[in-house]
Amino acid sequence: MFGFFKKKSEKDKLLELYNKKKKQAFVLSKSNRKESDRLEKEAYDILQKIDSLPQKD
């Protein structure tokens, strides 16, 4: 009922961080390619971490 009382799981936190990095990388890709590539690498590393988390199914 009240979703704001629910704690975020580790996967949710990582997905939020991943999306943030991808957005930043996209914006920077137009002006600073080197920094954009660094952020893309960080996003990729976060995605690898998400994939390595155990499934809750």
Protein backbone atom coordinates (compact mmCIF):
# COMPACT_ATOMS: atom_id res chain seq x y z
CA MET A 1 0.00 0.00 0.00
CA PHE A 2 2.69 2.48 0.98
CA GLY A 3 5.60 1.87 -1.34
CA PHE A 4 7.77 4.56 0.22
CA PHE A 5 8.13 2.51 3.42
CA LYS A 6 9.51 -0.45 1.50
CA LYS A 7 13.30 -0.76 1.49
CA LYS A 8 15.00 -1.03 -1.88
CA SER A 9 16.74 -4.27 -2.64
CA GLU A 10 20.39 -4.35 -3.66
CA LYS A 11 19.32 -5.07 -7.24
CA ASP A 12 17.00 -2.04 -7.30
CA LYS A 13 19.76 0.21 -6.00
CA LEU A 14 22.22 -1.07 -8.60
CA LEU A 15 19.67 -0.69 -11.41
CA GLU A 16 19.03 2.90 -10.37
CA LEU A 17 22.77 3.62 -10.35
CA TYR A 18 23.19 1.87 -13.73
CA ASN A 19 20.47 4.01 -15.32
CA LYS A 20 21.98 7.17 -13.85
CA LYS A 21 25.42 6.34 -15.28
CA LYS A 22 23.96 5.54 -18.71
CA LYS A 23 22.09 8.86 -18.83
CA GLN A 24 25.20 10.79 -17.79
CA ALA A 25 27.26 8.97 -20.41
CA PHE A 26 24.75 9.82 -23.12
CA VAL A 27 24.77 13.51 -22.25
CA LEU A 28 28.57 13.61 -22.14
CA SER A 29 28.94 11.68 -25.39
CA LYS A 30 28.15 14.88 -27.26
CA SER A 31 30.92 16.91 -25.63
CA ASN A 32 33.48 14.73 -23.84
CA ARG A 33 33.93 11.31 -25.38
CA LYS A 34 36.64 10.14 -22.97
CA GLU A 35 34.51 10.85 -19.90
CA SER A 36 31.51 9.27 -21.61
CA ASP A 37 33.50 6.08 -22.23
CA ARG A 38 34.56 6.01 -18.57
CA LEU A 39 30.93 6.25 -17.44
CA GLU A 40 29.89 3.55 -19.91
CA LYS A 41 32.57 1.27 -18.41
CA GLU A 42 31.26 1.96 -14.90
CA ALA A 43 27.71 1.21 -16.06
CA TYR A 44 28.89 -2.03 -17.63
CA ASP A 45 30.62 -3.05 -14.39
CA ILE A 46 27.42 -2.34 -12.45
CA LEU A 47 25.46 -4.47 -14.92
CA GLN A 48 27.91 -7.32 -14.37
CA LYS A 49 27.37 -6.97 -10.62
CA ILE A 50 23.59 -7.13 -11.13
CA ASP A 51 23.94 -10.28 -13.23
CA SER A 52 26.06 -11.93 -10.55
CA LEU A 53 23.44 -11.37 -7.83
CA PRO A 54 21.45 -14.49 -6.91
CA GLN A 55 17.97 -14.72 -8.41
CA LYS A 56 14.98 -14.51 -6.06
CA ASP A 57 12.57 -16.51 -8.26
